Amino acid sequence: MQIQTKLVVSNPSVMMGKPVIAGTRITVELIPNKLAAGETVEQILDAHPRLTREGIQAALAFAAEALRADVIYPIDEAVH
């Protein structure tokens, strides 16, 4: 399966330059946040009619790639 990374774009005049799904104002960060909160892909698609399953996959691929960067993310043990 090939991920359409062209579906994730960034423009300083849209959502302050945050990565969004092309043709929408839906930020990449919204997708994993909703999934982590327990929403299903179908619920997300129903709530955002301009969003596609491919857009969700592209957002998750983009987020995964961003986390592969050589950055250390400290995790506060007290929060978990």
N, C-alpha and C. Protein backbone atom coordinates (compact mmCIF):
# COMPACT_ATOMS: atom_id res chain seq x y z
N MET A 1 0.84 -1.18 0.00
CA MET A 1 0.00 0.00 0.00
C MET A 1 0.89 1.24 0.00
N GLN A 2 0.61 2.17 -0.89
CA GLN A 2 1.38 3.40 -0.97
C GLN A 2 0.60 4.52 -0.30
N ILE A 3 1.28 5.26 0.57
CA ILE A 3 0.65 6.37 1.28
C ILE A 3 0.79 7.64 0.44
N GLN A 4 -0.30 8.36 0.30
CA GLN A 4 -0.29 9.62 -0.45
C GLN A 4 0.15 10.76 0.44
N THR A 5 1.46 10.94 0.59
CA THR A 5 1.96 12.02 1.44
C THR A 5 1.68 13.38 0.84
N LYS A 6 1.33 13.46 -0.45
CA LYS A 6 0.94 14.72 -1.07
C LYS A 6 -0.34 15.26 -0.43
N LEU A 7 -1.03 14.42 0.30
CA LEU A 7 -2.28 14.83 0.93
C LEU A 7 -2.04 15.69 2.16
N VAL A 8 -0.81 15.77 2.63
CA VAL A 8 -0.48 16.62 3.78
C VAL A 8 0.28 17.83 3.25
N VAL A 9 -0.25 19.02 3.56
CA VAL A 9 0.36 20.26 3.08
C VAL A 9 0.50 21.23 4.24
N SER A 10 1.33 22.25 4.03
CA SER A 10 1.49 23.29 5.03
C SER A 10 1.55 24.63 4.32
N ASN A 11 0.76 25.59 4.80
CA ASN A 11 0.70 26.92 4.22
C ASN A 11 0.58 27.90 5.38
N PRO A 12 1.46 28.89 5.46
CA PRO A 12 1.42 29.83 6.58
C PRO A 12 0.06 30.53 6.77
N SER A 13 -0.72 30.62 5.70
CA SER A 13 -2.02 31.30 5.81
C SER A 13 -3.16 30.36 6.18
N VAL A 14 -2.86 29.08 6.35
CA VAL A 14 -3.89 28.10 6.74
C VAL A 14 -3.48 27.48 8.07
N MET A 15 -4.29 27.64 9.08
CA MET A 15 -4.07 27.06 10.40
C MET A 15 -2.66 27.36 10.93
N MET A 16 -2.21 28.59 10.71
CA MET A 16 -0.90 29.06 11.20
C MET A 16 0.26 28.20 10.70
N GLY A 17 0.11 27.59 9.54
CA GLY A 17 1.19 26.81 8.95
C GLY A 17 1.28 25.37 9.43
N LYS A 18 0.37 24.97 10.32
CA LYS A 18 0.41 23.57 10.77
C LYS A 18 0.11 22.66 9.59
N PRO A 19 0.68 21.46 9.57
CA PRO A 19 0.35 20.52 8.50
C PRO A 19 -1.13 20.16 8.56
N VAL A 20 -1.78 20.23 7.38
CA VAL A 20 -3.20 19.92 7.27
C VAL A 20 -3.42 18.94 6.13
N ILE A 21 -4.60 18.35 6.11
CA ILE A 21 -4.99 17.50 4.99
C ILE A 21 -5.32 18.44 3.84
N ALA A 22 -4.74 18.21 2.67
CA ALA A 22 -4.92 19.08 1.51
C ALA A 22 -6.40 19.32 1.23
N GLY A 23 -6.72 20.59 0.98
CA GLY A 23 -8.09 20.96 0.65
C GLY A 23 -8.99 21.13 1.86
N THR A 24 -8.43 21.01 3.06
CA THR A 24 -9.21 21.15 4.29
C THR A 24 -8.45 22.03 5.27
N ARG A 25 -9.09 22.29 6.39
CA ARG A 25 -8.42 22.95 7.52
C ARG A 25 -8.25 21.95 8.66
N ILE A 26 -8.25 20.68 8.33
CA ILE A 26 -8.11 19.61 9.32
C ILE A 26 -6.62 19.36 9.54
N THR A 27 -6.16 19.63 10.76
CA THR A 27 -4.74 19.47 11.05
C THR A 27 -4.37 17.99 11.21
N VAL A 28 -3.13 17.70 10.87
CA VAL A 28 -2.62 16.34 11.04
C VAL A 28 -2.75 15.91 12.49
N GLU A 29 -2.45 16.81 13.43
CA GLU A 29 -2.48 16.44 14.85
C GLU A 29 -3.87 16.04 15.31
N LEU A 30 -4.92 16.53 14.66
CA LEU A 30 -6.28 16.20 15.06
C LEU A 30 -6.57 14.71 14.91
N ILE A 31 -6.03 14.12 13.85
CA ILE A 31 -6.34 12.71 13.54
C ILE A 31 -5.86 11.76 14.65
N PRO A 32 -4.56 11.74 15.00
CA PRO A 32 -4.16 10.83 16.08
C PRO A 32 -4.78 11.19 17.42
N ASN A 33 -5.05 12.48 17.65
CA ASN A 33 -5.70 12.86 18.90
C ASN A 33 -7.09 12.25 19.00
N LYS A 34 -7.85 12.31 17.93
CA LYS A 34 -9.19 11.72 17.94
C LYS A 34 -9.13 10.19 18.08
N LEU A 35 -8.19 9.56 17.38
CA LEU A 35 -8.06 8.11 17.50
C LEU A 35 -7.65 7.73 18.92
N ALA A 36 -6.72 8.48 19.51
CA ALA A 36 -6.28 8.21 20.88
C ALA A 36 -7.41 8.41 21.88
N ALA A 37 -8.34 9.30 21.56
CA ALA A 37 -9.48 9.54 22.45
C ALA A 37 -10.56 8.47 22.31
N GLY A 38 -10.35 7.53 21.38
CA GLY A 38 -11.28 6.43 21.24
C GLY A 38 -12.23 6.52 20.06
N GLU A 39 -12.13 7.58 19.27
CA GLU A 39 -12.99 7.68 18.09
C GLU A 39 -12.52 6.68 17.04
N THR A 40 -13.44 6.19 16.27
CA THR A 40 -13.10 5.28 15.18
C THR A 40 -12.86 6.10 13.91
N VAL A 41 -12.24 5.46 12.93
CA VAL A 41 -12.02 6.12 11.65
C VAL A 41 -13.37 6.53 11.07
N GLU A 42 -14.36 5.67 11.18
CA GLU A 42 -15.69 5.97 10.64
C GLU A 42 -16.30 7.20 11.32
N GLN A 43 -16.13 7.32 12.63
CA GLN A 43 -16.65 8.49 13.35
C GLN A 43 -15.95 9.76 12.90
N ILE A 44 -14.65 9.68 12.69
CA ILE A 44 -13.89 10.85 12.22
C ILE A 44 -14.36 11.24 10.83
N LEU A 45 -14.53 10.27 9.96
CA LEU A 45 -15.00 10.55 8.60
C LEU A 45 -16.40 11.15 8.61
N ASP A 46 -17.27 10.65 9.47
CA ASP A 46 -18.62 11.20 9.58
C ASP A 46 -18.61 12.64 10.07
N ALA A 47 -17.71 12.95 11.00
CA ALA A 47 -17.64 14.30 11.57
C ALA A 47 -16.98 15.30 10.62
N HIS A 48 -16.20 14.81 9.67
CA HIS A 48 -15.46 15.68 8.75
C HIS A 48 -15.71 15.19 7.32
N PRO A 49 -16.80 15.61 6.70
CA PRO A 49 -17.19 15.10 5.38
C PRO A 49 -16.15 15.29 4.27
N ARG A 50 -15.29 16.30 4.38
CA ARG A 50 -14.28 16.52 3.33
C ARG A 50 -13.06 15.63 3.52
N LEU A 51 -12.97 14.96 4.64
CA LEU A 51 -11.84 14.08 4.94
C LEU A 51 -12.08 12.72 4.30
N THR A 52 -11.00 12.10 3.84
CA THR A 52 -11.08 10.76 3.25
C THR A 52 -10.25 9.78 4.09
N ARG A 53 -10.50 8.52 3.86
CA ARG A 53 -9.70 7.48 4.52
C ARG A 53 -8.22 7.64 4.15
N GLU A 54 -7.96 8.00 2.89
CA GLU A 54 -6.58 8.22 2.44
C GLU A 54 -5.96 9.41 3.17
N GLY A 55 -6.76 10.44 3.45
CA GLY A 55 -6.27 11.58 4.21
C GLY A 55 -5.88 11.19 5.62
N ILE A 56 -6.67 10.33 6.23
CA ILE A 56 -6.35 9.83 7.58
C ILE A 56 -5.05 9.04 7.54
N GLN A 57 -4.91 8.17 6.56
CA GLN A 57 -3.68 7.38 6.43
C GLN A 57 -2.47 8.27 6.21
N ALA A 58 -2.63 9.31 5.38
CA ALA A 58 -1.53 10.24 5.13
C ALA A 58 -1.15 10.99 6.40
N ALA A 59 -2.15 11.39 7.19
CA ALA A 59 -1.88 12.10 8.45
C ALA A 59 -1.11 11.20 9.41
N LEU A 60 -1.51 9.95 9.51
CA LEU A 60 -0.81 9.03 10.41
C LEU A 60 0.61 8.75 9.93
N ALA A 61 0.79 8.61 8.62
CA ALA A 61 2.13 8.39 8.07
C ALA A 61 3.01 9.61 8.32
N PHE A 62 2.45 10.81 8.16
CA PHE A 62 3.20 12.04 8.41
C PHE A 62 3.60 12.12 9.87
N ALA A 63 2.67 11.82 10.77
CA ALA A 63 2.96 11.87 12.21
C ALA A 63 4.03 10.85 12.58
N ALA A 64 3.94 9.66 12.02
CA ALA A 64 4.94 8.62 12.31
C ALA A 64 6.32 9.06 11.82
N GLU A 65 6.38 9.66 10.65
CA GLU A 65 7.66 10.13 10.11
C GLU A 65 8.23 11.24 10.98
N ALA A 66 7.38 12.13 11.45
CA ALA A 66 7.83 13.23 12.31
C ALA A 66 8.43 12.68 13.60
N LEU A 67 7.87 11.60 14.12
CA LEU A 67 8.39 11.01 15.36
C LEU A 67 9.68 10.24 15.15
N ARG A 68 10.02 9.93 13.89
CA ARG A 68 11.28 9.25 13.60
C ARG A 68 12.46 10.20 13.64
N ALA A 69 12.20 11.49 13.70
CA ALA A 69 13.29 12.48 13.70
C ALA A 69 14.18 12.26 14.92
N ASP A 70 15.39 12.73 14.85
CA ASP A 70 16.35 12.56 15.94
C ASP A 70 16.10 13.57 17.05
N VAL A 71 14.95 13.47 17.66
CA VAL A 71 14.56 14.36 18.75
C VAL A 71 14.15 13.49 19.93
N ILE A 72 14.57 13.90 21.11
CA ILE A 72 14.18 13.16 22.31
C ILE A 72 12.96 13.84 22.91
N TYR A 73 11.92 13.06 23.15
CA TYR A 73 10.70 13.57 23.74
C TYR A 73 10.60 13.05 25.17
N PRO A 74 10.94 13.89 26.15
CA PRO A 74 10.84 13.42 27.53
C PRO A 74 9.38 13.14 27.90
N ILE A 75 9.19 12.08 28.62
CA ILE A 75 7.85 11.70 29.08
C ILE A 75 7.81 11.86 30.57
N ASP A 76 6.90 12.68 31.04
CA ASP A 76 6.73 12.92 32.47
C ASP A 76 5.99 11.75 33.07
N GLU A 77 6.69 10.98 33.88
CA GLU A 77 6.11 9.79 34.49
C GLU A 77 4.87 10.12 35.34
N ALA A 78 4.83 11.30 35.95
CA ALA A 78 3.71 11.67 36.80
C ALA A 78 2.41 11.84 36.03
N VAL A 79 2.51 12.12 34.73
CA VAL A 79 1.32 12.33 33.91
C VAL A 79 0.62 11.03 33.60
N HIS A 80 1.37 9.94 33.55
CA HIS A 80 0.80 8.66 33.11
C HIS A 80 0.32 7.88 34.27
